[in-house]
Amino acid sequence: MIPFPNSGFVFLKKLMIRVGGACLVLFAAATLTFITLHLAPGDPVTAILGGSANPTPETIREIREEYGLDQPLMVQYALHIWHVLSGHLGASFSQHMPVTDVLWQQAPPTLKLMLSSLVLAWGFAVLSVTLSARKPLFDSAFSSLETFFAGLPQFWIGIILLWLFAYQLGLLPPAGTHGFSSLILPSLSLAIPLGGFLAQVMRESFKTTLDQPFVLTARARGLSDNAVRFRHVLRHALLPGVSLSTWAVGALVGNAVAVEFIFSRQGLGRQLFLAVSMHDMPLVTGIILFISVVYILASFLADILYVIVDPRIQEARA
């Protein structure tokens, strides 16, 4: 046998660790979903029957037997995990259609909302830090603005934007999912607090990096102050933002619940709220697993961006 290079073993080891971690995240998500829904008040039979008034005891018993709800809790949990492992998510209790079809319909609007919100948040954060770097006198003003934005609740921003730009000025549609214009206000509602938070972290990293030895070395070589700040320091200031963007993916889905309701948008956040309230376990499981997969992919992408922004990270890990 021809031995693999040491770098190949290192890569394979890292890959196995990441894949194992991803499987553990999905397993934990499926388990916590099962436990949470069983602890929550309500009966899934009501959702299965579509809110039918006064079902007979025979009907309830038949439904429980059909869906395995009459089995012991551990048996239900084992069946739940088996369905997840086999990729068989079943049909939604409340919508009476396959969970995969619901995800196929509802995921694109939420993914568009998340992506546009991240782009706007990053745009604000980079612009704020860049302008402050060019004009140090503005540092305090931008820092205060970032703190103010970071503390605003998304649903409150959504209501204010809806009242101002949709009802008072009539510039943008108040509701809907179709078209670019219907995406602007919901995206701003999510992006403003996130952008303020990213800018705060990046600003602190920017100031810390200015005191690093390589900055003094760059200046000693005759580089101008602007060249040092924007060719070297700003690159390092981006790294905490890249890391926080992975966390933001999960946070945006949770915050999208209120925003999608305010603007009457389709999406996973709205569907997750309705599914939990109706005790729709297959749909809740499908949405949570989908969000977990998106979070895992975002984590992989963050690792790649880390190396692109600062190649020395890959050298340190090798």
Protein backbone atom coordinates (compact mmCIF):
# COMPACT_ATOMS: atom_id res chain seq x y z
CA MET A 1 0.00 0.00 0.00
CA ILE A 2 1.16 3.52 -0.84
CA PRO A 3 1.01 5.69 2.30
CA PHE A 4 -0.96 8.90 2.11
CA PRO A 5 0.89 12.14 2.81
CA ASN A 6 0.59 13.48 6.31
CA SER A 7 -1.53 16.37 5.04
CA GLY A 8 -4.01 13.86 3.66
CA PHE A 9 -4.44 12.23 7.07
CA VAL A 10 -4.86 15.65 8.68
CA PHE A 11 -7.54 16.61 6.16
CA LEU A 12 -9.34 13.27 6.57
CA LYS A 13 -9.26 13.63 10.36
CA LYS A 14 -10.69 17.14 10.21
CA LEU A 15 -13.36 16.04 7.75
CA MET A 16 -14.43 13.13 9.98
CA ILE A 17 -14.59 15.44 13.00
CA ARG A 18 -16.77 17.94 11.15
CA VAL A 19 -19.07 15.25 9.75
CA GLY A 20 -19.37 13.66 13.19
CA GLY A 21 -20.16 17.04 14.72
CA ALA A 22 -22.80 17.68 12.06
CA CYS A 23 -24.46 14.32 12.76
CA LEU A 24 -24.43 15.08 16.48
CA VAL A 25 -26.11 18.46 15.86
CA LEU A 26 -28.86 16.83 13.79
CA PHE A 27 -29.38 14.10 16.38
CA ALA A 28 -29.62 16.66 19.18
CA ALA A 29 -32.05 18.77 17.16
CA ALA A 30 -34.33 15.78 16.50
CA THR A 31 -34.20 14.69 20.15
CA LEU A 32 -34.89 18.15 21.58
CA THR A 33 -37.78 18.61 19.16
CA PHE A 34 -39.35 15.36 20.30
CA ILE A 35 -38.94 16.19 24.00
CA THR A 36 -40.19 19.76 23.65
CA LEU A 37 -43.32 18.86 21.73
CA HIS A 38 -44.22 16.11 24.19
CA LEU A 39 -43.79 18.48 27.11
CA ALA A 40 -45.84 21.23 25.45
CA PRO A 41 -49.59 21.34 26.20
CA GLY A 42 -51.93 20.15 23.48
CA ASP A 43 -52.88 17.02 21.63
CA PRO A 44 -51.60 16.22 18.12
CA VAL A 45 -54.88 14.41 17.42
CA THR A 46 -56.57 17.81 17.23
CA ALA A 47 -54.18 18.90 14.48
CA ILE A 48 -54.59 15.61 12.63
CA LEU A 49 -58.38 15.96 12.67
CA GLY A 50 -58.12 19.53 11.46
CA GLY A 51 -59.85 21.06 14.45
CA SER A 52 -62.89 18.78 14.15
CA ALA A 53 -65.30 19.50 16.97
CA ASN A 54 -66.16 16.74 19.45
CA PRO A 55 -64.56 13.70 17.78
CA THR A 56 -65.84 10.37 19.02
CA PRO A 57 -63.65 8.24 21.31
CA GLU A 58 -63.47 5.63 18.56
CA THR A 59 -62.12 8.21 16.10
CA ILE A 60 -59.50 9.39 18.59
CA ARG A 61 -58.42 5.82 19.30
CA GLU A 62 -58.13 5.02 15.60
CA ILE A 63 -56.01 8.12 14.97
CA ARG A 64 -53.70 7.30 17.87
CA GLU A 65 -53.23 3.76 16.63
CA GLU A 66 -52.64 4.89 13.03
CA TYR A 67 -49.94 7.39 13.96
CA GLY A 68 -48.41 5.32 16.76
CA LEU A 69 -49.44 7.81 19.44
CA ASP A 70 -50.73 4.99 21.61
CA GLN A 71 -47.24 3.47 21.90
CA PRO A 72 -44.99 3.96 24.95
CA LEU A 73 -42.93 7.12 24.90
CA MET A 74 -39.62 5.35 24.25
CA VAL A 75 -41.14 3.46 21.32
CA GLN A 76 -42.41 6.74 19.87
CA TYR A 77 -38.96 8.25 20.30
CA ALA A 78 -37.28 5.27 18.59
CA LEU A 79 -39.72 5.54 15.67
CA HIS A 80 -39.10 9.27 15.52
CA ILE A 81 -35.31 8.84 15.28
CA TRP A 82 -35.68 6.01 12.77
CA HIS A 83 -37.84 8.20 10.51
CA VAL A 84 -35.26 10.98 10.72
CA LEU A 85 -32.38 8.62 9.90
CA SER A 86 -34.27 7.11 7.00
CA GLY A 87 -35.21 10.53 5.64
CA HIS A 88 -38.91 9.75 5.95
CA LEU A 89 -40.33 12.88 7.57
CA GLY A 90 -43.93 11.86 6.91
CA ALA A 91 -46.88 14.16 6.35
CA SER A 92 -47.80 17.32 8.18
CA PHE A 93 -50.63 16.78 10.68
CA SER A 94 -52.08 20.24 10.11
CA GLN A 95 -51.52 20.70 6.37
CA HIS A 96 -52.10 17.07 5.32
CA MET A 97 -49.26 17.08 2.80
CA PRO A 98 -45.71 15.70 2.82
CA VAL A 99 -43.31 17.68 4.98
CA THR A 100 -40.81 17.81 2.12
CA ASP A 101 -43.41 19.58 -0.02
CA VAL A 102 -44.00 22.16 2.71
CA LEU A 103 -40.25 22.75 3.00
CA TRP A 104 -39.94 23.05 -0.77
CA GLN A 105 -42.63 25.74 -0.80
CA GLN A 106 -41.69 27.68 2.34
CA ALA A 107 -37.87 27.50 2.42
CA PRO A 108 -37.06 29.75 -0.58
CA PRO A 109 -38.76 32.91 0.84
CA THR A 110 -36.99 32.48 4.18
CA LEU A 111 -33.61 31.80 2.57
CA LYS A 112 -34.00 34.92 0.42
CA LEU A 113 -34.90 36.94 3.52
CA MET A 114 -31.92 35.58 5.46
CA LEU A 115 -29.45 36.18 2.62
CA SER A 116 -30.64 39.72 1.92
CA SER A 117 -30.58 40.54 5.64
CA LEU A 118 -27.01 39.27 5.98
CA VAL A 119 -25.89 41.27 2.94
CA LEU A 120 -27.46 44.47 4.29
CA ALA A 121 -26.07 43.88 7.79
CA TRP A 122 -22.57 43.29 6.44
CA GLY A 123 -22.86 46.33 4.20
CA PHE A 124 -23.75 48.55 7.14
CA ALA A 125 -21.04 47.06 9.38
CA VAL A 126 -18.23 47.40 6.82
CA LEU A 127 -19.38 50.90 5.83
CA SER A 128 -19.52 52.04 9.46
CA VAL A 129 -16.07 50.70 10.33
CA THR A 130 -14.57 51.98 7.07
CA LEU A 131 -15.93 55.50 7.44
CA SER A 132 -14.80 55.60 11.05
CA ALA A 133 -11.33 54.51 9.97
CA ARG A 134 -11.15 57.26 7.36
CA LYS A 135 -12.52 59.91 9.70
CA PRO A 136 -11.52 59.10 13.30
CA LEU A 137 -13.56 62.10 14.48
CA PHE A 138 -16.70 60.20 13.48
CA ASP A 139 -15.76 57.15 15.57
CA SER A 140 -17.85 58.12 18.58
CA ALA A 141 -20.91 58.99 16.49
CA PHE A 142 -20.82 55.72 14.53
CA SER A 143 -20.18 53.72 17.70
CA SER A 144 -23.26 55.26 19.36
CA LEU A 145 -25.35 54.59 16.26
CA GLU A 146 -24.24 50.94 16.21
CA THR A 147 -25.14 50.51 19.88
CA PHE A 148 -28.57 52.03 19.25
CA PHE A 149 -29.25 49.79 16.25
CA ALA A 150 -28.05 46.64 18.05
CA GLY A 151 -30.54 47.19 20.88
CA LEU A 152 -33.62 47.60 18.68
CA PRO A 153 -36.07 44.65 18.57
CA GLN A 154 -36.78 43.36 15.07
CA PHE A 155 -40.56 43.34 15.42
CA TRP A 156 -40.56 47.01 16.54
CA ILE A 157 -38.40 48.02 13.58
CA GLY A 158 -40.74 46.11 11.28
CA ILE A 159 -43.81 47.92 12.61
CA ILE A 160 -42.15 51.35 12.29
CA LEU A 161 -40.92 50.65 8.76
CA LEU A 162 -44.34 49.29 7.78
CA TRP A 163 -46.11 52.38 9.13
CA LEU A 164 -43.68 54.86 7.55
CA PHE A 165 -42.77 53.46 4.13
CA ALA A 166 -45.91 51.45 3.35
CA TYR A 167 -48.84 53.31 4.92
CA GLN A 168 -47.59 56.90 5.25
CA LEU A 169 -45.35 57.31 2.20
CA GLY A 170 -46.75 54.46 0.08
CA LEU A 171 -43.31 53.69 -1.35
CA LEU A 172 -43.22 49.95 -0.65
CA PRO A 173 -45.83 47.18 -0.41
CA PRO A 174 -47.05 46.42 3.14
CA ALA A 175 -47.28 42.66 2.65
CA GLY A 176 -46.55 39.80 0.32
CA THR A 177 -43.74 37.50 -0.75
CA HIS A 178 -43.39 38.10 -4.48
CA GLY A 179 -41.10 40.68 -5.99
CA PHE A 180 -37.98 42.50 -4.87
CA SER A 181 -39.89 45.42 -3.37
CA SER A 182 -41.70 43.15 -0.90
CA LEU A 183 -38.32 41.96 0.42
CA ILE A 184 -36.88 45.38 1.32
CA LEU A 185 -38.76 46.20 4.54
CA PRO A 186 -38.54 42.69 6.09
CA SER A 187 -34.83 42.54 5.26
CA LEU A 188 -34.18 45.92 6.87
CA SER A 189 -36.10 44.84 9.97
CA LEU A 190 -33.70 41.93 10.48
CA ALA A 191 -30.55 43.61 9.16
CA ILE A 192 -30.51 46.79 11.26
CA PRO A 193 -29.94 45.16 14.69
CA LEU A 194 -27.62 42.53 13.23
CA GLY A 195 -25.62 45.16 11.37
CA GLY A 196 -25.20 47.19 14.55
CA PHE A 197 -23.98 44.13 16.44
CA LEU A 198 -21.54 43.09 13.68
CA ALA A 199 -20.18 46.63 13.45
CA GLN A 200 -19.56 46.77 17.20
CA VAL A 201 -17.56 43.55 17.16
CA MET A 202 -15.63 44.47 14.02
CA ARG A 203 -14.83 47.93 15.39
CA GLU A 204 -13.37 46.45 18.57
CA SER A 205 -11.32 43.99 16.53
CA PHE A 206 -10.14 46.85 14.29
CA LYS A 207 -8.89 48.85 17.27
CA THR A 208 -7.18 45.82 18.80
CA THR A 209 -5.43 44.96 15.52
CA LEU A 210 -4.01 48.48 15.25
CA ASP A 211 -1.79 47.66 18.25
CA GLN A 212 -0.37 44.45 16.74
CA PRO A 213 3.35 44.24 15.89
CA PHE A 214 2.77 43.62 12.17
CA VAL A 215 1.07 47.02 11.93
CA LEU A 216 4.20 48.72 13.25
CA THR A 217 6.26 46.68 10.78
CA ALA A 218 4.05 47.75 7.87
CA ARG A 219 4.36 51.39 8.84
CA ALA A 220 8.13 51.02 9.24
CA ARG A 221 8.28 49.83 5.61
CA GLY A 222 6.83 53.17 4.55
CA LEU A 223 3.17 52.22 3.97
CA SER A 224 0.73 55.07 4.38
CA ASP A 225 -1.76 55.07 7.24
CA ASN A 226 -4.67 54.37 4.86
CA ALA A 227 -2.82 51.46 3.27
CA VAL A 228 -2.11 49.95 6.67
CA ARG A 229 -5.70 50.37 7.82
CA PHE A 230 -7.47 49.06 4.72
CA ARG A 231 -5.00 46.52 3.30
CA HIS A 232 -4.03 44.86 6.57
CA VAL A 233 -6.06 45.91 9.62
CA LEU A 234 -9.53 45.79 8.04
CA ARG A 235 -8.93 42.22 6.85
CA HIS A 236 -8.36 41.07 10.43
CA ALA A 237 -11.36 43.05 11.64
CA LEU A 238 -13.58 41.00 9.32
CA LEU A 239 -12.79 37.68 11.01
CA PRO A 240 -15.07 38.09 14.08
CA GLY A 241 -17.88 39.13 11.76
CA VAL A 242 -17.44 35.98 9.69
CA SER A 243 -17.66 33.87 12.85
CA LEU A 244 -20.75 35.71 14.09
CA SER A 245 -22.46 35.28 10.74
CA THR A 246 -22.71 31.55 11.45
CA TRP A 247 -24.55 32.29 14.68
CA ALA A 248 -26.67 34.87 12.85
CA VAL A 249 -28.06 32.24 10.48
CA GLY A 250 -29.84 30.49 13.36
CA ALA A 251 -30.85 33.77 14.99
CA LEU A 252 -32.35 35.13 11.78
CA VAL A 253 -34.73 32.17 11.46
CA GLY A 254 -36.01 32.71 15.00
CA ASN A 255 -36.40 36.45 14.48
CA ALA A 256 -38.05 35.86 11.11
CA VAL A 257 -41.13 34.48 12.89
CA ALA A 258 -42.35 37.92 13.98
CA VAL A 259 -41.18 39.64 10.79
CA GLU A 260 -42.96 37.16 8.52
CA PHE A 261 -46.17 37.64 10.50
CA ILE A 262 -45.90 41.45 10.41
CA PHE A 263 -45.40 41.53 6.64
CA SER A 264 -47.65 38.52 5.91
CA ARG A 265 -44.84 36.64 4.21
CA GLN A 266 -44.54 32.96 3.48
CA GLY A 267 -41.62 31.27 5.16
CA LEU A 268 -40.29 28.72 7.60
CA GLY A 269 -40.46 31.05 10.60
CA ARG A 270 -44.19 31.56 10.21
CA GLN A 271 -44.74 27.86 9.52
CA LEU A 272 -42.67 26.84 12.55
CA PHE A 273 -44.80 28.99 14.86
CA LEU A 274 -48.03 27.56 13.46
CA ALA A 275 -46.72 24.00 13.57
CA VAL A 276 -45.63 24.28 17.22
CA SER A 277 -48.95 25.83 18.24
CA MET A 278 -50.81 22.98 16.52
CA HIS A 279 -48.51 20.24 17.87
CA ASP A 280 -47.56 19.22 14.33
CA MET A 281 -44.51 17.07 15.15
CA PRO A 282 -43.56 15.97 11.60
CA LEU A 283 -43.56 19.54 10.32
CA VAL A 284 -41.71 20.94 13.35
CA THR A 285 -39.08 18.20 13.00
CA GLY A 286 -38.65 18.86 9.30
CA ILE A 287 -38.23 22.62 9.77
CA ILE A 288 -35.80 22.24 12.70
CA LEU A 289 -33.68 19.73 10.79
CA PHE A 290 -33.66 21.98 7.72
CA ILE A 291 -32.52 24.94 9.83
CA SER A 292 -29.83 22.74 11.41
CA VAL A 293 -28.53 21.73 7.98
CA VAL A 294 -28.40 25.38 6.91
CA TYR A 295 -26.52 26.21 10.11
CA ILE A 296 -24.01 23.41 9.47
CA LEU A 297 -23.44 24.54 5.88
CA ALA A 298 -22.99 28.12 7.10
CA SER A 299 -20.36 26.88 9.56
CA PHE A 300 -18.46 25.14 6.75
CA LEU A 301 -18.68 28.28 4.62
CA ALA A 302 -17.38 30.38 7.53
CA ASP A 303 -14.31 28.15 7.78
CA ILE A 304 -13.64 28.62 4.07
CA LEU A 305 -14.06 32.39 4.33
CA TYR A 306 -11.71 32.45 7.30
CA VAL A 307 -8.94 30.97 5.16
CA ILE A 308 -9.73 33.30 2.24
CA VAL A 309 -9.62 36.39 4.46
CA ASP A 310 -6.48 35.28 6.30
CA PRO A 311 -4.54 32.39 4.68
CA ARG A 312 -2.26 32.19 7.72
CA ILE A 313 -5.08 30.43 9.57
CA GLN A 314 -4.75 27.41 7.30
CA GLU A 315 -1.01 27.37 7.85
CA ALA A 316 -1.51 27.44 11.64
CA ARG A 317 -3.98 24.55 11.47
CA ALA A 318 -1.83 22.39 9.21
